[in-house]
Amino acid sequence: MRSTELEARTKGFALRIIKMYGRLPKRVEAEVLGKQVLRSGTGVAANYCEAARARSKAEFIAKLGVVEQELAETKLWLELLVEGDIVPNAKMTELQNETEELLKIIVASMKTLKGR
């Protein structure tokens, strides 16, 4: 996947996270978890944007590591929203699948870059 394609995909992911946050129920636990997932989910796009503009391979790999961390954190918050009975699993499946796919892409990219 090309850098520009992945940049657009992570931006789209962030927009989906924003929309999901706006639809959360107005409950304290939903607000707390929602703000966490909003930060980490939008952080994926912001940090990938930074990675795409890295000045060296080492910097690119390091910034991809931050993207990986943000995705792993987002994955946890999404799971807690479902497992905490705040959001039905059916409404979260696509977003959780995209989180997993992006995580696999980032991890594979880092492995490839480190192997070069």
PDB file of N, CA and C in Angstrom:
ATOM      1  N   MET A   1       0.843  -1.176   0.000  1.00  0.00           N
ATOM      2  CA  MET A   1       0.000   0.000   0.000  1.00  0.00           C
ATOM      3  C   MET A   1       0.889   1.240   0.000  1.00  0.00           C
ATOM      4  N   ARG A   2       0.564   2.173  -0.853  1.00  0.00           N
ATOM      5  CA  ARG A   2       1.357   3.391  -0.965  1.00  0.00           C
ATOM      6  C   ARG A   2       1.116   4.311   0.234  1.00  0.00           C
ATOM      7  N   SER A   3       2.089   5.125   0.503  1.00  0.00           N
ATOM      8  CA  SER A   3       2.038   6.038   1.642  1.00  0.00           C
ATOM      9  C   SER A   3       0.820   6.958   1.578  1.00  0.00           C
ATOM     10  N   THR A   4       0.534   7.497   0.395  1.00  0.00           N
ATOM     11  CA  THR A   4      -0.611   8.405   0.258  1.00  0.00           C
ATOM     12  C   THR A   4      -1.927   7.667   0.469  1.00  0.00           C
ATOM     13  N   GLU A   5      -1.999   6.421   0.029  1.00  0.00           N
ATOM     14  CA  GLU A   5      -3.211   5.622   0.234  1.00  0.00           C
ATOM     15  C   GLU A   5      -3.419   5.338   1.717  1.00  0.00           C
ATOM     16  N   LEU A   6      -2.349   5.009   2.405  1.00  0.00           N
ATOM     17  CA  LEU A   6      -2.447   4.717   3.830  1.00  0.00           C
ATOM     18  C   LEU A   6      -2.738   5.997   4.619  1.00  0.00           C
ATOM     19  N   GLU A   7      -2.221   7.103   4.162  1.00  0.00           N
ATOM     20  CA  GLU A   7      -2.521   8.380   4.812  1.00  0.00           C
ATOM     21  C   GLU A   7      -4.020   8.684   4.690  1.00  0.00           C
ATOM     22  N   ALA A   8      -4.580   8.460   3.521  1.00  0.00           N
ATOM     23  CA  ALA A   8      -6.022   8.675   3.322  1.00  0.00           C
ATOM     24  C   ALA A   8      -6.844   7.684   4.146  1.00  0.00           C
ATOM     25  N   ARG A   9      -6.376   6.462   4.217  1.00  0.00           N
ATOM     26  CA  ARG A   9      -7.095   5.442   4.984  1.00  0.00           C
ATOM     27  C   ARG A   9      -7.087   5.747   6.475  1.00  0.00           C
ATOM     28  N   THR A  10      -5.956   6.199   7.000  1.00  0.00           N
ATOM     29  CA  THR A  10      -5.904   6.530   8.428  1.00  0.00           C
ATOM     30  C   THR A  10      -6.739   7.783   8.720  1.00  0.00           C
ATOM     31  N   LYS A  11      -6.792   8.708   7.788  1.00  0.00           N
ATOM     32  CA  LYS A  11      -7.639   9.890   7.961  1.00  0.00           C
ATOM     33  C   LYS A  11      -9.111   9.477   7.968  1.00  0.00           C
ATOM     34  N   GLY A  12      -9.478   8.589   7.051  1.00  0.00           N
ATOM     35  CA  GLY A  12     -10.847   8.070   7.031  1.00  0.00           C
ATOM     36  C   GLY A  12     -11.193   7.353   8.319  1.00  0.00           C
ATOM     37  N   PHE A  13     -10.231   6.618   8.846  1.00  0.00           N
ATOM     38  CA  PHE A  13     -10.403   5.922  10.125  1.00  0.00           C
ATOM     39  C   PHE A  13     -10.675   6.936  11.233  1.00  0.00           C
ATOM     40  N   ALA A  14      -9.901   8.003  11.272  1.00  0.00           N
ATOM     41  CA  ALA A  14     -10.087   9.040  12.286  1.00  0.00           C
ATOM     42  C   ALA A  14     -11.480   9.668  12.174  1.00  0.00           C
ATOM     43  N   LEU A  15     -11.928   9.905  10.969  1.00  0.00           N
ATOM     44  CA  LEU A  15     -13.261  10.476  10.771  1.00  0.00           C
ATOM     45  C   LEU A  15     -14.354   9.523  11.256  1.00  0.00           C
ATOM     46  N   ARG A  16     -14.159   8.234  11.037  1.00  0.00           N
ATOM     47  CA  ARG A  16     -15.131   7.242  11.527  1.00  0.00           C
ATOM     48  C   ARG A  16     -15.151   7.209  13.053  1.00  0.00           C
ATOM     49  N   ILE A  17     -13.985   7.357  13.659  1.00  0.00           N
ATOM     50  CA  ILE A  17     -13.896   7.401  15.124  1.00  0.00           C
ATOM     51  C   ILE A  17     -14.651   8.625  15.655  1.00  0.00           C
ATOM     52  N   ILE A  18     -14.475   9.767  14.992  1.00  0.00           N
ATOM     53  CA  ILE A  18     -15.158  10.990  15.401  1.00  0.00           C
ATOM     54  C   ILE A  18     -16.673  10.803  15.337  1.00  0.00           C
ATOM     55  N   LYS A  19     -17.145  10.225  14.245  1.00  0.00           N
ATOM     56  CA  LYS A  19     -18.590   9.991  14.092  1.00  0.00           C
ATOM     57  C   LYS A  19     -19.108   9.008  15.139  1.00  0.00           C
ATOM     58  N   MET A  20     -18.350   7.956  15.409  1.00  0.00           N
ATOM     59  CA  MET A  20     -18.744   6.978  16.414  1.00  0.00           C
ATOM     60  C   MET A  20     -18.844   7.650  17.781  1.00  0.00           C
ATOM     61  N   TYR A  21     -17.882   8.501  18.107  1.00  0.00           N
ATOM     62  CA  TYR A  21     -17.883   9.212  19.387  1.00  0.00           C
ATOM     63  C   TYR A  21     -19.154  10.054  19.534  1.00  0.00           C
ATOM     64  N   GLY A  22     -19.534  10.719  18.461  1.00  0.00           N
ATOM     65  CA  GLY A  22     -20.727  11.562  18.484  1.00  0.00           C
ATOM     66  C   GLY A  22     -22.022  10.796  18.700  1.00  0.00           C
ATOM     67  N   ARG A  23     -22.003   9.503  18.408  1.00  0.00           N
ATOM     68  CA  ARG A  23     -23.207   8.678  18.561  1.00  0.00           C
ATOM     69  C   ARG A  23     -23.243   7.879  19.861  1.00  0.00           C
ATOM     70  N   LEU A  24     -22.223   8.041  20.690  1.00  0.00           N
ATOM     71  CA  LEU A  24     -22.207   7.290  21.950  1.00  0.00           C
ATOM     72  C   LEU A  24     -23.338   7.761  22.864  1.00  0.00           C
ATOM     73  N   PRO A  25     -23.842   6.844  23.692  1.00  0.00           N
ATOM     74  CA  PRO A  25     -24.885   7.249  24.640  1.00  0.00           C
ATOM     75  C   PRO A  25     -24.344   8.278  25.629  1.00  0.00           C
ATOM     76  N   LYS A  26     -25.235   9.078  26.152  1.00  0.00           N
ATOM     77  CA  LYS A  26     -24.842  10.136  27.097  1.00  0.00           C
ATOM     78  C   LYS A  26     -24.786   9.555  28.510  1.00  0.00           C
ATOM     79  N   ARG A  27     -23.755   8.741  28.741  1.00  0.00           N
ATOM     80  CA  ARG A  27     -23.504   8.129  30.051  1.00  0.00           C
ATOM     81  C   ARG A  27     -22.066   8.428  30.423  1.00  0.00           C
ATOM     82  N   VAL A  28     -21.791   8.499  31.699  1.00  0.00           N
ATOM     83  CA  VAL A  28     -20.450   8.857  32.169  1.00  0.00           C
ATOM     84  C   VAL A  28     -19.398   7.895  31.628  1.00  0.00           C
ATOM     85  N   GLU A  29     -19.642   6.594  31.738  1.00  0.00           N
ATOM     86  CA  GLU A  29     -18.640   5.625  31.275  1.00  0.00           C
ATOM     87  C   GLU A  29     -18.443   5.703  29.765  1.00  0.00           C
ATOM     88  N   ALA A  30     -19.505   5.999  29.017  1.00  0.00           N
ATOM     89  CA  ALA A  30     -19.381   6.162  27.572  1.00  0.00           C
ATOM     90  C   ALA A  30     -18.531   7.392  27.254  1.00  0.00           C
ATOM     91  N   GLU A  31     -18.719   8.448  28.021  1.00  0.00           N
ATOM     92  CA  GLU A  31     -17.949   9.666  27.800  1.00  0.00           C
ATOM     93  C   GLU A  31     -16.464   9.451  28.091  1.00  0.00           C
ATOM     94  N   VAL A  32     -16.168   8.769  29.188  1.00  0.00           N
ATOM     95  CA  VAL A  32     -14.771   8.527  29.573  1.00  0.00           C
ATOM     96  C   VAL A  32     -14.076   7.658  28.526  1.00  0.00           C
ATOM     97  N   LEU A  33     -14.676   6.516  28.200  1.00  0.00           N
ATOM     98  CA  LEU A  33     -14.074   5.626  27.198  1.00  0.00           C
ATOM     99  C   LEU A  33     -14.074   6.282  25.820  1.00  0.00           C
ATOM    100  N   GLY A  34     -15.141   7.015  25.527  1.00  0.00           N
ATOM    101  CA  GLY A  34     -15.246   7.688  24.235  1.00  0.00           C
ATOM    102  C   GLY A  34     -14.136   8.699  24.023  1.00  0.00           C
ATOM    103  N   LYS A  35     -13.815   9.469  25.047  1.00  0.00           N
ATOM    104  CA  LYS A  35     -12.737  10.448  24.901  1.00  0.00           C
ATOM    105  C   LYS A  35     -11.392   9.754  24.706  1.00  0.00           C
ATOM    106  N   GLN A  36     -11.212   8.621  25.349  1.00  0.00           N
ATOM    107  CA  GLN A  36      -9.965   7.860  25.178  1.00  0.00           C
ATOM    108  C   GLN A  36      -9.829   7.372  23.735  1.00  0.00           C
ATOM    109  N   VAL A  37     -10.907   6.773  23.218  1.00  0.00           N
ATOM    110  CA  VAL A  37     -10.850   6.250  21.847  1.00  0.00           C
ATOM    111  C   VAL A  37     -10.777   7.390  20.833  1.00  0.00           C
ATOM    112  N   LEU A  38     -11.374   8.522  21.156  1.00  0.00           N
ATOM    113  CA  LEU A  38     -11.285   9.690  20.271  1.00  0.00           C
ATOM    114  C   LEU A  38      -9.836  10.156  20.159  1.00  0.00           C
ATOM    115  N   ARG A  39      -9.136  10.199  21.283  1.00  0.00           N
ATOM    116  CA  ARG A  39      -7.725  10.623  21.277  1.00  0.00           C
ATOM    117  C   ARG A  39      -6.839   9.638  20.501  1.00  0.00           C
ATOM    118  N   SER A  40      -6.964   8.360  20.869  1.00  0.00           N
ATOM    119  CA  SER A  40      -6.077   7.381  20.234  1.00  0.00           C
ATOM    120  C   SER A  40      -6.443   7.159  18.764  1.00  0.00           C
ATOM    121  N   GLY A  41      -7.729   7.121  18.466  1.00  0.00           N
ATOM    122  CA  GLY A  41      -8.166   6.871  17.085  1.00  0.00           C
ATOM    123  C   GLY A  41      -7.796   7.985  16.126  1.00  0.00           C
ATOM    124  N   THR A  42      -7.912   9.229  16.573  1.00  0.00           N
ATOM    125  CA  THR A  42      -7.500  10.337  15.712  1.00  0.00           C
ATOM    126  C   THR A  42      -5.980  10.478  15.711  1.00  0.00           C
ATOM    127  N   GLY A  43      -5.351  10.007  16.784  1.00  0.00           N
ATOM    128  CA  GLY A  43      -3.892  10.016  16.853  1.00  0.00           C
ATOM    129  C   GLY A  43      -3.248   9.113  15.812  1.00  0.00           C
ATOM    130  N   VAL A  44      -3.973   8.086  15.389  1.00  0.00           N
ATOM    131  CA  VAL A  44      -3.474   7.187  14.344  1.00  0.00           C
ATOM    132  C   VAL A  44      -3.181   7.997  13.087  1.00  0.00           C
ATOM    133  N   ALA A  45      -4.143   8.795  12.652  1.00  0.00           N
ATOM    134  CA  ALA A  45      -3.968   9.592  11.433  1.00  0.00           C
ATOM    135  C   ALA A  45      -2.888  10.654  11.609  1.00  0.00           C
ATOM    136  N   ALA A  46      -2.909  11.337  12.735  1.00  0.00           N
ATOM    137  CA  ALA A  46      -1.930  12.399  12.964  1.00  0.00           C
ATOM    138  C   ALA A  46      -0.508  11.850  12.966  1.00  0.00           C
ATOM    139  N   ASN A  47      -0.324  10.737  13.627  1.00  0.00           N
ATOM    140  CA  ASN A  47       1.020  10.161  13.701  1.00  0.00           C
ATOM    141  C   ASN A  47       1.453   9.518  12.389  1.00  0.00           C
ATOM    142  N   TYR A  48       0.520   8.967  11.629  1.00  0.00           N
ATOM    143  CA  TYR A  48       0.912   8.435  10.320  1.00  0.00           C
ATOM    144  C   TYR A  48       1.302   9.586   9.392  1.00  0.00           C
ATOM    145  N   CYS A  49       0.587  10.683   9.489  1.00  0.00           N
ATOM    146  CA  CYS A  49       0.920  11.861   8.686  1.00  0.00           C
ATOM    147  C   CYS A  49       2.355  12.313   8.990  1.00  0.00           C
ATOM    148  N   GLU A  50       2.716  12.307  10.259  1.00  0.00           N
ATOM    149  CA  GLU A  50       4.090  12.646  10.648  1.00  0.00           C
ATOM    150  C   GLU A  50       5.082  11.623  10.115  1.00  0.00           C
ATOM    151  N   ALA A  51       4.724  10.345  10.211  1.00  0.00           N
ATOM    152  CA  ALA A  51       5.613   9.282   9.741  1.00  0.00           C
ATOM    153  C   ALA A  51       5.885   9.424   8.246  1.00  0.00           C
ATOM    154  N   ALA A  52       4.843   9.745   7.497  1.00  0.00           N
ATOM    155  CA  ALA A  52       4.988   9.882   6.044  1.00  0.00           C
ATOM    156  C   ALA A  52       5.952  11.006   5.671  1.00  0.00           C
ATOM    157  N   ARG A  53       6.191  11.912   6.578  1.00  0.00           N
ATOM    158  CA  ARG A  53       7.099  13.020   6.320  1.00  0.00           C
ATOM    159  C   ARG A  53       8.431  12.874   7.050  1.00  0.00           C
ATOM    160  N   ALA A  54       8.722  11.668   7.461  1.00  0.00           N
ATOM    161  CA  ALA A  54       9.969  11.403   8.185  1.00  0.00           C
ATOM    162  C   ALA A  54      11.172  11.722   7.297  1.00  0.00           C
ATOM    163  N   ARG A  55      12.255  12.105   7.948  1.00  0.00           N
ATOM    164  CA  ARG A  55      13.473  12.485   7.223  1.00  0.00           C
ATOM    165  C   ARG A  55      14.427  11.319   7.018  1.00  0.00           C
ATOM    166  N   SER A  56      14.165  10.212   7.696  1.00  0.00           N
ATOM    167  CA  SER A  56      15.040   9.053   7.539  1.00  0.00           C
ATOM    168  C   SER A  56      14.231   7.779   7.760  1.00  0.00           C
ATOM    169  N   LYS A  57      14.817   6.672   7.365  1.00  0.00           N
ATOM    170  CA  LYS A  57      14.175   5.379   7.563  1.00  0.00           C
ATOM    171  C   LYS A  57      13.977   5.099   9.050  1.00  0.00           C
ATOM    172  N   ALA A  58      14.976   5.420   9.854  1.00  0.00           N
ATOM    173  CA  ALA A  58      14.883   5.194  11.305  1.00  0.00           C
ATOM    174  C   ALA A  58      13.760   6.022  11.917  1.00  0.00           C
ATOM    175  N   GLU A  59      13.642   7.264  11.491  1.00  0.00           N
ATOM    176  CA  GLU A  59      12.572   8.129  12.000  1.00  0.00           C
ATOM    177  C   GLU A  59      11.210   7.596  11.555  1.00  0.00           C
ATOM    178  N   PHE A  60      11.125   7.133  10.322  1.00  0.00           N
ATOM    179  CA  PHE A  60       9.874   6.572   9.794  1.00  0.00           C
ATOM    180  C   PHE A  60       9.448   5.357  10.621  1.00  0.00           C
ATOM    181  N   ILE A  61      10.375   4.466  10.884  1.00  0.00           N
ATOM    182  CA  ILE A  61      10.083   3.271  11.673  1.00  0.00           C
ATOM    183  C   ILE A  61       9.647   3.656  13.087  1.00  0.00           C
ATOM    184  N   ALA A  62      10.329   4.610  13.679  1.00  0.00           N
ATOM    185  CA  ALA A  62       9.984   5.052  15.033  1.00  0.00           C
ATOM    186  C   ALA A  62       8.575   5.642  15.079  1.00  0.00           C
ATOM    187  N   LYS A  63       8.244   6.440  14.098  1.00  0.00           N
ATOM    188  CA  LYS A  63       6.909   7.052  14.063  1.00  0.00           C
ATOM    189  C   LYS A  63       5.836   6.015  13.755  1.00  0.00           C
ATOM    190  N   LEU A  64       6.163   5.018  12.948  1.00  0.00           N
ATOM    191  CA  LEU A  64       5.217   3.917  12.728  1.00  0.00           C
ATOM    192  C   LEU A  64       4.971   3.159  14.025  1.00  0.00           C
ATOM    193  N   GLY A  65       5.977   3.105  14.875  1.00  0.00           N
ATOM    194  CA  GLY A  65       5.820   2.477  16.185  1.00  0.00           C
ATOM    195  C   GLY A  65       4.780   3.206  17.026  1.00  0.00           C
ATOM    196  N   VAL A  66       4.742   4.516  16.913  1.00  0.00           N
ATOM    197  CA  VAL A  66       3.734   5.305  17.629  1.00  0.00           C
ATOM    198  C   VAL A  66       2.348   5.019  17.055  1.00  0.00           C
ATOM    199  N   VAL A  67       2.263   4.900  15.736  1.00  0.00           N
ATOM    200  CA  VAL A  67       0.987   4.563  15.089  1.00  0.00           C
ATOM    201  C   VAL A  67       0.505   3.197  15.580  1.00  0.00           C
ATOM    202  N   GLU A  68       1.417   2.255  15.670  1.00  0.00           N
ATOM    203  CA  GLU A  68       1.074   0.918  16.181  1.00  0.00           C
ATOM    204  C   GLU A  68       0.521   1.008  17.605  1.00  0.00           C
ATOM    205  N   GLN A  69       1.156   1.802  18.443  1.00  0.00           N
ATOM    206  CA  GLN A  69       0.693   1.973  19.828  1.00  0.00           C
ATOM    207  C   GLN A  69      -0.701   2.588  19.870  1.00  0.00           C
ATOM    208  N   GLU A  70      -0.931   3.590  19.055  1.00  0.00           N
ATOM    209  CA  GLU A  70      -2.248   4.246  19.019  1.00  0.00           C
ATOM    210  C   GLU A  70      -3.327   3.267  18.555  1.00  0.00           C
ATOM    211  N   LEU A  71      -2.996   2.432  17.573  1.00  0.00           N
ATOM    212  CA  LEU A  71      -3.963   1.440  17.086  1.00  0.00           C
ATOM    213  C   LEU A  71      -4.258   0.389  18.153  1.00  0.00           C
ATOM    214  N   ALA A  72      -3.222  -0.063  18.851  1.00  0.00           N
ATOM    215  CA  ALA A  72      -3.424  -1.059  19.904  1.00  0.00           C
ATOM    216  C   ALA A  72      -4.298  -0.472  21.014  1.00  0.00           C
ATOM    217  N   GLU A  73      -4.073   0.783  21.343  1.00  0.00           N
ATOM    218  CA  GLU A  73      -4.868   1.441  22.374  1.00  0.00           C
ATOM    219  C   GLU A  73      -6.320   1.605  21.893  1.00  0.00           C
ATOM    220  N   THR A  74      -6.487   2.012  20.658  1.00  0.00           N
ATOM    221  CA  THR A  74      -7.828   2.162  20.093  1.00  0.00           C
ATOM    222  C   THR A  74      -8.571   0.837  20.128  1.00  0.00           C
ATOM    223  N   LYS A  75      -7.869  -0.230  19.792  1.00  0.00           N
ATOM    224  CA  LYS A  75      -8.456  -1.574  19.813  1.00  0.00           C
ATOM    225  C   LYS A  75      -9.003  -1.890  21.205  1.00  0.00           C
ATOM    226  N   LEU A  76      -8.237  -1.583  22.237  1.00  0.00           N
ATOM    227  CA  LEU A  76      -8.671  -1.833  23.609  1.00  0.00           C
ATOM    228  C   LEU A  76      -9.919  -1.022  23.957  1.00  0.00           C
ATOM    229  N   TRP A  77      -9.925   0.277  23.642  1.00  0.00           N
ATOM    230  CA  TRP A  77     -11.076   1.118  23.982  1.00  0.00           C
ATOM    231  C   TRP A  77     -12.328   0.650  23.258  1.00  0.00           C
ATOM    232  N   LEU A  78     -12.190   0.258  21.997  1.00  0.00           N
ATOM    233  CA  LEU A  78     -13.350  -0.247  21.258  1.00  0.00           C
ATOM    234  C   LEU A  78     -13.876  -1.531  21.893  1.00  0.00           C
ATOM    235  N   GLU A  79     -12.969  -2.408  22.298  1.00  0.00           N
ATOM    236  CA  GLU A  79     -13.376  -3.648  22.974  1.00  0.00           C
ATOM    237  C   GLU A  79     -14.112  -3.336  24.276  1.00  0.00           C
ATOM    238  N   LEU A  80     -13.615  -2.365  25.034  1.00  0.00           N
ATOM    239  CA  LEU A  80     -14.254  -2.012  26.298  1.00  0.00           C
ATOM    240  C   LEU A  80     -15.642  -1.407  26.080  1.00  0.00           C
ATOM    241  N   LEU A  81     -15.805  -0.638  25.015  1.00  0.00           N
ATOM    242  CA  LEU A  81     -17.120  -0.091  24.709  1.00  0.00           C
ATOM    243  C   LEU A  81     -18.129  -1.205  24.433  1.00  0.00           C
ATOM    244  N   VAL A  82     -17.677  -2.247  23.759  1.00  0.00           N
ATOM    245  CA  VAL A  82     -18.562  -3.380  23.461  1.00  0.00           C
ATOM    246  C   VAL A  82     -18.758  -4.253  24.695  1.00  0.00           C
ATOM    247  N   GLU A  83     -17.671  -4.663  25.300  1.00  0.00           N
ATOM    248  CA  GLU A  83     -17.743  -5.578  26.441  1.00  0.00           C
ATOM    249  C   GLU A  83     -18.359  -4.931  27.677  1.00  0.00           C
ATOM    250  N   GLY A  84     -18.334  -3.612  27.738  1.00  0.00           N
ATOM    251  CA  GLY A  84     -18.967  -2.893  28.833  1.00  0.00           C
ATOM    252  C   GLY A  84     -20.446  -2.608  28.563  1.00  0.00           C
ATOM    253  N   ASP A  85     -20.970  -3.193  27.501  1.00  0.00           N
ATOM    254  CA  ASP A  85     -22.380  -3.030  27.111  1.00  0.00           C
ATOM    255  C   ASP A  85     -22.776  -1.573  26.892  1.00  0.00           C
ATOM    256  N   ILE A  86     -21.858  -0.819  26.336  1.00  0.00           N
ATOM    257  CA  ILE A  86     -22.128   0.578  26.014  1.00  0.00           C
ATOM    258  C   ILE A  86     -22.562   0.706  24.559  1.00  0.00           C
ATOM    259  N   VAL A  87     -21.920  -0.079  23.692  1.00  0.00           N
ATOM    260  CA  VAL A  87     -22.238  -0.092  22.271  1.00  0.00           C
ATOM    261  C   VAL A  87     -22.439  -1.551  21.850  1.00  0.00           C
ATOM    262  N   PRO A  88     -23.512  -1.846  21.105  1.00  0.00           N
ATOM    263  CA  PRO A  88     -23.710  -3.228  20.635  1.00  0.00           C
ATOM    264  C   PRO A  88     -22.574  -3.663  19.708  1.00  0.00           C
ATOM    265  N   ASN A  89     -22.188  -4.903  19.826  1.00  0.00           N
ATOM    266  CA  ASN A  89     -21.105  -5.461  19.012  1.00  0.00           C
ATOM    267  C   ASN A  89     -21.347  -5.238  17.518  1.00  0.00           C
ATOM    268  N   ALA A  90     -22.581  -5.415  17.088  1.00  0.00           N
ATOM    269  CA  ALA A  90     -22.904  -5.279  15.665  1.00  0.00           C
ATOM    270  C   ALA A  90     -22.577  -3.889  15.121  1.00  0.00           C
ATOM    271  N   LYS A  91     -22.693  -2.873  15.952  1.00  0.00           N
ATOM    272  CA  LYS A  91     -22.413  -1.505  15.506  1.00  0.00           C
ATOM    273  C   LYS A  91     -20.919  -1.183  15.506  1.00  0.00           C
ATOM    274  N   MET A  92     -20.130  -2.030  16.139  1.00  0.00           N
ATOM    275  CA  MET A  92     -18.709  -1.751  16.277  1.00  0.00           C
ATOM    276  C   MET A  92     -17.840  -2.657  15.399  1.00  0.00           C
ATOM    277  N   THR A  93     -18.414  -3.685  14.818  1.00  0.00           N
ATOM    278  CA  THR A  93     -17.645  -4.692  14.081  1.00  0.00           C
ATOM    279  C   THR A  93     -16.787  -4.103  12.974  1.00  0.00           C
ATOM    280  N   GLU A  94     -17.356  -3.252  12.138  1.00  0.00           N
ATOM    281  CA  GLU A  94     -16.592  -2.699  11.012  1.00  0.00           C
ATOM    282  C   GLU A  94     -15.416  -1.849  11.490  1.00  0.00           C
ATOM    283  N   LEU A  95     -15.639  -1.061  12.506  1.00  0.00           N
ATOM    284  CA  LEU A  95     -14.572  -0.214  13.042  1.00  0.00           C
ATOM    285  C   LEU A  95     -13.486  -1.066  13.697  1.00  0.00           C
ATOM    286  N   GLN A  96     -13.883  -2.107  14.397  1.00  0.00           N
ATOM    287  CA  GLN A  96     -12.908  -3.012  15.002  1.00  0.00           C
ATOM    288  C   GLN A  96     -12.115  -3.743  13.921  1.00  0.00           C
ATOM    289  N   ASN A  97     -12.783  -4.150  12.841  1.00  0.00           N
ATOM    290  CA  ASN A  97     -12.085  -4.827  11.741  1.00  0.00           C
ATOM    291  C   ASN A  97     -11.066  -3.889  11.076  1.00  0.00           C
ATOM    292  N   GLU A  98     -11.457  -2.641  10.886  1.00  0.00           N
ATOM    293  CA  GLU A  98     -10.526  -1.679  10.279  1.00  0.00           C
ATOM    294  C   GLU A  98      -9.332  -1.435  11.200  1.00  0.00           C
ATOM    295  N   THR A  99      -9.567  -1.394  12.496  1.00  0.00           N
ATOM    296  CA  THR A  99      -8.477  -1.233  13.460  1.00  0.00           C
ATOM    297  C   THR A  99      -7.489  -2.383  13.314  1.00  0.00           C
ATOM    298  N   GLU A 100      -8.001  -3.603  13.250  1.00  0.00           N
ATOM    299  CA  GLU A 100      -7.151  -4.795  13.097  1.00  0.00           C
ATOM    300  C   GLU A 100      -6.377  -4.766  11.782  1.00  0.00           C
ATOM    301  N   GLU A 101      -7.061  -4.410  10.702  1.00  0.00           N
ATOM    302  CA  GLU A 101      -6.393  -4.371   9.392  1.00  0.00           C
ATOM    303  C   GLU A 101      -5.274  -3.334   9.371  1.00  0.00           C
ATOM    304  N   LEU A 102      -5.556  -2.150   9.895  1.00  0.00           N
ATOM    305  CA  LEU A 102      -4.524  -1.116   9.941  1.00  0.00           C
ATOM    306  C   LEU A 102      -3.347  -1.549  10.811  1.00  0.00           C
ATOM    307  N   LEU A 103      -3.648  -2.193  11.921  1.00  0.00           N
ATOM    308  CA  LEU A 103      -2.588  -2.684  12.804  1.00  0.00           C
ATOM    309  C   LEU A 103      -1.709  -3.696  12.075  1.00  0.00           C
ATOM    310  N   LYS A 104      -2.309  -4.608  11.335  1.00  0.00           N
ATOM    311  CA  LYS A 104      -1.543  -5.604  10.569  1.00  0.00           C
ATOM    312  C   LYS A 104      -0.683  -4.937   9.500  1.00  0.00           C
ATOM    313  N   ILE A 105      -1.229  -3.934   8.829  1.00  0.00           N
ATOM    314  CA  ILE A 105      -0.480  -3.229   7.789  1.00  0.00           C
ATOM    315  C   ILE A 105       0.725  -2.514   8.388  1.00  0.00           C
ATOM    316  N   ILE A 106       0.519  -1.840   9.496  1.00  0.00           N
ATOM    317  CA  ILE A 106       1.610  -1.087  10.137  1.00  0.00           C
ATOM    318  C   ILE A 106       2.692  -2.035  10.638  1.00  0.00           C
ATOM    319  N   VAL A 107       2.299  -3.118  11.296  1.00  0.00           N
ATOM    320  CA  VAL A 107       3.275  -4.090  11.820  1.00  0.00           C
ATOM    321  C   VAL A 107       4.059  -4.707  10.661  1.00  0.00           C
ATOM    322  N   ALA A 108       3.369  -5.089   9.586  1.00  0.00           N
ATOM    323  CA  ALA A 108       4.052  -5.675   8.428  1.00  0.00           C
ATOM    324  C   ALA A 108       5.006  -4.668   7.789  1.00  0.00           C
ATOM    325  N   SER A 109       4.594  -3.422   7.707  1.00  0.00           N
ATOM    326  CA  SER A 109       5.458  -2.382   7.138  1.00  0.00           C
ATOM    327  C   SER A 109       6.720  -2.212   7.975  1.00  0.00           C
ATOM    328  N   MET A 110       6.547  -2.210   9.280  1.00  0.00           N
ATOM    329  CA  MET A 110       7.717  -2.057  10.157  1.00  0.00           C
ATOM    330  C   MET A 110       8.669  -3.242  10.008  1.00  0.00           C
ATOM    331  N   LYS A 111       8.124  -4.442   9.934  1.00  0.00           N
ATOM    332  CA  LYS A 111       8.975  -5.633   9.762  1.00  0.00           C
ATOM    333  C   LYS A 111       9.725  -5.571   8.446  1.00  0.00           C
ATOM    334  N   THR A 112       9.040  -5.165   7.387  1.00  0.00           N
ATOM    335  CA  THR A 112       9.675  -5.062   6.082  1.00  0.00           C
ATOM    336  C   THR A 112      10.800  -4.028   6.107  1.00  0.00           C
ATOM    337  N   LEU A 113      10.521  -2.875   6.666  1.00  0.00           N
ATOM    338  CA  LEU A 113      11.524  -1.812   6.733  1.00  0.00           C
ATOM    339  C   LEU A 113      12.728  -2.206   7.572  1.00  0.00           C
ATOM    340  N   LYS A 114      12.472  -2.887   8.680  1.00  0.00           N
ATOM    341  CA  LYS A 114      13.584  -3.312   9.554  1.00  0.00           C
ATOM    342  C   LYS A 114      14.438  -4.387   8.892  1.00  0.00           C
ATOM    343  N   GLY A 115      13.819  -5.155   7.998  1.00  0.00           N
ATOM    344  CA  GLY A 115      14.545  -6.219   7.303  1.00  0.00           C
ATOM    345  C   GLY A 115      15.415  -5.727   6.169  1.00  0.00           C
ATOM    346  N   ARG A 116      15.208  -4.511   5.731  1.00  0.00           N
ATOM    347  CA  ARG A 116      15.981  -3.953   4.604  1.00  0.00           C
ATOM    348  C   ARG A 116      17.332  -3.472   5.041  1.00  0.00           C
TER     349      ARG A 116
END
